[in-house]
Amino acid sequence: RPLFQSLQTLADDNASFFQRSGTEVGRRFAAAFAALREHGRRLEPALRHFARLYHRFDLDEATPGNGYRSLVQTARCCLAHAVHKS
């Protein structure tokens, strides 16, 4: 949750900042941050759902790995990168 909250806050702040610039480039950046905010808002419930279920699909107790777990981890890495770049 904190990662998504950070993304929402940063995307809002950056969208507002670039929108005030009044330039075409500023409007495009503002639109990109608004889209990033919306994608994050929609992605959070899906990742939470997968995180509750992915342990069911591990090979066994000693091997915590499967495609769902990898998908959640990859999405979290991408979110952390987006937060860092924002």
N, C-alpha and C. Protein backbone atom coordinates (compact mmCIF):
# COMPACT_ATOMS: atom_id res chain seq x y z
N ARG A 1 0.80 -1.21 0.00
CA ARG A 1 0.00 0.00 0.00
C ARG A 1 0.84 1.27 0.00
N PRO A 2 1.91 1.36 0.78
CA PRO A 2 2.71 2.60 0.77
C PRO A 2 3.28 2.93 -0.61
N LEU A 3 3.64 1.89 -1.37
CA LEU A 3 4.18 2.14 -2.70
C LEU A 3 3.13 2.78 -3.60
N PHE A 4 1.90 2.29 -3.53
CA PHE A 4 0.83 2.87 -4.33
C PHE A 4 0.47 4.27 -3.85
N GLN A 5 0.49 4.49 -2.56
CA GLN A 5 0.22 5.83 -2.04
C GLN A 5 1.27 6.82 -2.51
N SER A 6 2.52 6.41 -2.48
CA SER A 6 3.60 7.27 -2.97
C SER A 6 3.42 7.58 -4.44
N LEU A 7 3.08 6.57 -5.21
CA LEU A 7 2.87 6.77 -6.64
C LEU A 7 1.73 7.75 -6.89
N GLN A 8 0.63 7.59 -6.17
CA GLN A 8 -0.52 8.49 -6.34
C GLN A 8 -0.15 9.93 -6.01
N THR A 9 0.53 10.11 -4.89
CA THR A 9 0.93 11.45 -4.46
C THR A 9 1.88 12.10 -5.46
N LEU A 10 2.90 11.36 -5.86
CA LEU A 10 3.88 11.90 -6.80
C LEU A 10 3.26 12.18 -8.16
N ALA A 11 2.40 11.29 -8.63
CA ALA A 11 1.75 11.50 -9.92
C ALA A 11 0.85 12.73 -9.87
N ASP A 12 0.10 12.90 -8.79
CA ASP A 12 -0.74 14.10 -8.63
C ASP A 12 0.11 15.37 -8.63
N ASP A 13 1.17 15.37 -7.83
CA ASP A 13 2.04 16.54 -7.73
C ASP A 13 2.68 16.88 -9.07
N ASN A 14 3.20 15.87 -9.75
CA ASN A 14 3.84 16.11 -11.04
C ASN A 14 2.86 16.54 -12.11
N ALA A 15 1.67 15.94 -12.12
CA ALA A 15 0.66 16.34 -13.10
C ALA A 15 0.28 17.80 -12.89
N SER A 16 0.10 18.21 -11.65
CA SER A 16 -0.23 19.61 -11.35
C SER A 16 0.90 20.55 -11.76
N PHE A 17 2.12 20.16 -11.43
CA PHE A 17 3.28 20.99 -11.76
C PHE A 17 3.38 21.20 -13.27
N PHE A 18 3.32 20.14 -14.03
CA PHE A 18 3.50 20.26 -15.47
C PHE A 18 2.29 20.92 -16.14
N GLN A 19 1.11 20.74 -15.60
CA GLN A 19 -0.08 21.38 -16.17
C GLN A 19 0.05 22.90 -16.08
N ARG A 20 0.62 23.39 -14.97
CA ARG A 20 0.77 24.84 -14.78
C ARG A 20 1.79 25.46 -15.73
N SER A 21 2.64 24.65 -16.34
CA SER A 21 3.67 25.20 -17.21
C SER A 21 3.07 25.89 -18.43
N GLY A 22 1.91 25.41 -18.88
CA GLY A 22 1.23 26.03 -20.01
C GLY A 22 1.82 25.69 -21.37
N THR A 23 2.83 24.83 -21.40
CA THR A 23 3.44 24.46 -22.67
C THR A 23 2.87 23.13 -23.15
N GLU A 24 3.10 22.85 -24.42
CA GLU A 24 2.64 21.58 -24.99
C GLU A 24 3.36 20.41 -24.30
N VAL A 25 4.65 20.56 -24.09
CA VAL A 25 5.41 19.51 -23.42
C VAL A 25 4.88 19.31 -22.00
N GLY A 26 4.58 20.41 -21.32
CA GLY A 26 4.03 20.32 -19.97
C GLY A 26 2.70 19.60 -19.95
N ARG A 27 1.85 19.88 -20.92
CA ARG A 27 0.56 19.20 -21.00
C ARG A 27 0.73 17.71 -21.26
N ARG A 28 1.71 17.36 -22.09
CA ARG A 28 1.96 15.94 -22.36
C ARG A 28 2.49 15.22 -21.13
N PHE A 29 3.40 15.88 -20.39
CA PHE A 29 3.87 15.28 -19.14
C PHE A 29 2.73 15.15 -18.14
N ALA A 30 1.90 16.17 -18.04
CA ALA A 30 0.75 16.12 -17.12
C ALA A 30 -0.17 14.96 -17.48
N ALA A 31 -0.41 14.76 -18.76
CA ALA A 31 -1.26 13.65 -19.20
C ALA A 31 -0.60 12.30 -18.88
N ALA A 32 0.71 12.22 -19.04
CA ALA A 32 1.42 10.98 -18.74
C ALA A 32 1.33 10.65 -17.25
N PHE A 33 1.50 11.67 -16.40
CA PHE A 33 1.40 11.42 -14.96
C PHE A 33 -0.03 11.10 -14.55
N ALA A 34 -1.00 11.70 -15.20
CA ALA A 34 -2.39 11.37 -14.91
C ALA A 34 -2.68 9.91 -15.30
N ALA A 35 -2.14 9.48 -16.43
CA ALA A 35 -2.31 8.08 -16.86
C ALA A 35 -1.60 7.13 -15.89
N LEU A 36 -0.41 7.51 -15.44
CA LEU A 36 0.32 6.69 -14.47
C LEU A 36 -0.48 6.55 -13.18
N ARG A 37 -1.06 7.64 -12.72
CA ARG A 37 -1.89 7.62 -11.52
C ARG A 37 -3.08 6.68 -11.70
N GLU A 38 -3.73 6.76 -12.84
CA GLU A 38 -4.90 5.91 -13.10
C GLU A 38 -4.51 4.44 -13.21
N HIS A 39 -3.40 4.16 -13.87
CA HIS A 39 -2.94 2.76 -13.98
C HIS A 39 -2.63 2.20 -12.60
N GLY A 40 -1.98 2.99 -11.77
CA GLY A 40 -1.67 2.54 -10.41
C GLY A 40 -2.93 2.28 -9.61
N ARG A 41 -3.91 3.15 -9.77
CA ARG A 41 -5.18 2.99 -9.04
C ARG A 41 -5.88 1.70 -9.44
N ARG A 42 -5.81 1.34 -10.70
CA ARG A 42 -6.46 0.12 -11.18
C ARG A 42 -5.64 -1.13 -10.91
N LEU A 43 -4.33 -0.97 -10.84
CA LEU A 43 -3.45 -2.12 -10.64
C LEU A 43 -3.44 -2.61 -9.20
N GLU A 44 -3.59 -1.71 -8.26
CA GLU A 44 -3.48 -2.08 -6.85
C GLU A 44 -4.41 -3.22 -6.44
N PRO A 45 -5.71 -3.16 -6.73
CA PRO A 45 -6.58 -4.28 -6.30
C PRO A 45 -6.20 -5.61 -6.96
N ALA A 46 -5.78 -5.56 -8.21
CA ALA A 46 -5.40 -6.80 -8.90
C ALA A 46 -4.16 -7.43 -8.25
N LEU A 47 -3.17 -6.61 -7.95
CA LEU A 47 -1.96 -7.15 -7.32
C LEU A 47 -2.26 -7.66 -5.92
N ARG A 48 -3.11 -6.96 -5.20
CA ARG A 48 -3.48 -7.43 -3.86
C ARG A 48 -4.16 -8.80 -3.95
N HIS A 49 -5.02 -8.96 -4.95
CA HIS A 49 -5.70 -10.24 -5.15
C HIS A 49 -4.70 -11.35 -5.45
N PHE A 50 -3.78 -11.11 -6.38
CA PHE A 50 -2.77 -12.11 -6.71
C PHE A 50 -1.89 -12.43 -5.50
N ALA A 51 -1.55 -11.42 -4.72
CA ALA A 51 -0.68 -11.63 -3.55
C ALA A 51 -1.36 -12.52 -2.52
N ARG A 52 -2.68 -12.47 -2.43
CA ARG A 52 -3.39 -13.34 -1.49
C ARG A 52 -3.44 -14.78 -1.99
N LEU A 53 -3.31 -14.98 -3.29
CA LEU A 53 -3.49 -16.32 -3.86
C LEU A 53 -2.22 -17.01 -4.33
N TYR A 54 -1.16 -16.27 -4.60
CA TYR A 54 -0.04 -16.90 -5.30
C TYR A 54 0.62 -18.03 -4.53
N HIS A 55 0.52 -18.06 -3.21
CA HIS A 55 1.13 -19.16 -2.45
C HIS A 55 0.49 -20.51 -2.77
N ARG A 56 -0.73 -20.50 -3.26
CA ARG A 56 -1.43 -21.75 -3.60
C ARG A 56 -0.82 -22.44 -4.81
N PHE A 57 -0.08 -21.70 -5.62
CA PHE A 57 0.41 -22.24 -6.88
C PHE A 57 1.91 -22.53 -6.86
N ASP A 58 2.53 -22.44 -5.68
CA ASP A 58 3.95 -22.79 -5.57
C ASP A 58 4.12 -24.27 -5.83
N LEU A 59 5.30 -24.64 -6.29
CA LEU A 59 5.56 -26.06 -6.57
C LEU A 59 5.44 -26.89 -5.31
N ASP A 60 6.01 -26.42 -4.22
CA ASP A 60 5.87 -27.05 -2.91
C ASP A 60 6.29 -26.01 -1.86
N GLU A 61 6.24 -26.38 -0.59
CA GLU A 61 6.56 -25.43 0.47
C GLU A 61 8.00 -24.93 0.42
N ALA A 62 8.89 -25.75 -0.08
CA ALA A 62 10.30 -25.38 -0.16
C ALA A 62 10.63 -24.58 -1.41
N THR A 63 9.71 -24.50 -2.35
CA THR A 63 9.96 -23.80 -3.62
C THR A 63 8.89 -22.74 -3.84
N PRO A 64 9.07 -21.55 -3.24
CA PRO A 64 8.07 -20.50 -3.38
C PRO A 64 8.23 -19.75 -4.71
N GLY A 65 7.80 -20.35 -5.77
CA GLY A 65 7.92 -19.70 -7.07
C GLY A 65 6.85 -20.17 -8.04
N ASN A 66 6.29 -19.24 -8.74
CA ASN A 66 5.33 -19.53 -9.81
C ASN A 66 5.12 -18.25 -10.62
N GLY A 67 4.36 -18.35 -11.67
CA GLY A 67 4.14 -17.19 -12.54
C GLY A 67 3.40 -16.05 -11.88
N TYR A 68 2.46 -16.38 -11.01
CA TYR A 68 1.71 -15.32 -10.32
C TYR A 68 2.62 -14.54 -9.37
N ARG A 69 3.44 -15.24 -8.64
CA ARG A 69 4.38 -14.60 -7.73
C ARG A 69 5.35 -13.71 -8.53
N SER A 70 5.83 -14.23 -9.65
CA SER A 70 6.74 -13.45 -10.51
C SER A 70 6.05 -12.21 -11.07
N LEU A 71 4.79 -12.34 -11.45
CA LEU A 71 4.04 -11.20 -11.96
C LEU A 71 3.92 -10.10 -10.91
N VAL A 72 3.60 -10.47 -9.68
CA VAL A 72 3.46 -9.51 -8.60
C VAL A 72 4.81 -8.85 -8.32
N GLN A 73 5.88 -9.62 -8.26
CA GLN A 73 7.19 -9.06 -7.98
C GLN A 73 7.64 -8.13 -9.10
N THR A 74 7.40 -8.50 -10.34
CA THR A 74 7.77 -7.65 -11.47
C THR A 74 6.99 -6.34 -11.44
N ALA A 75 5.70 -6.42 -11.16
CA ALA A 75 4.88 -5.21 -11.08
C ALA A 75 5.37 -4.31 -9.94
N ARG A 76 5.72 -4.89 -8.81
CA ARG A 76 6.24 -4.09 -7.68
C ARG A 76 7.55 -3.41 -8.05
N CYS A 77 8.41 -4.11 -8.75
CA CYS A 77 9.67 -3.50 -9.19
C CYS A 77 9.42 -2.33 -10.14
N CYS A 78 8.48 -2.51 -11.05
CA CYS A 78 8.12 -1.43 -11.98
C CYS A 78 7.53 -0.24 -11.23
N LEU A 79 6.69 -0.51 -10.25
CA LEU A 79 6.11 0.56 -9.44
C LEU A 79 7.19 1.31 -8.67
N ALA A 80 8.11 0.58 -8.08
CA ALA A 80 9.19 1.22 -7.33
C ALA A 80 10.04 2.09 -8.26
N HIS A 81 10.27 1.63 -9.47
CA HIS A 81 11.03 2.40 -10.46
C HIS A 81 10.27 3.66 -10.85
N ALA A 82 8.95 3.54 -11.05
CA ALA A 82 8.14 4.71 -11.40
C ALA A 82 8.13 5.73 -10.26
N VAL A 83 8.06 5.25 -9.02
CA VAL A 83 8.12 6.15 -7.87
C VAL A 83 9.47 6.84 -7.83
N HIS A 84 10.53 6.09 -8.03
CA HIS A 84 11.87 6.66 -8.00
C HIS A 84 12.04 7.73 -9.08
N LYS A 85 11.57 7.47 -10.28
CA LYS A 85 11.72 8.42 -11.39
C LYS A 85 10.79 9.62 -11.24
N SER A 86 9.70 9.44 -10.51
CA SER A 86 8.77 10.56 -10.31
C SER A 86 9.33 11.54 -9.32
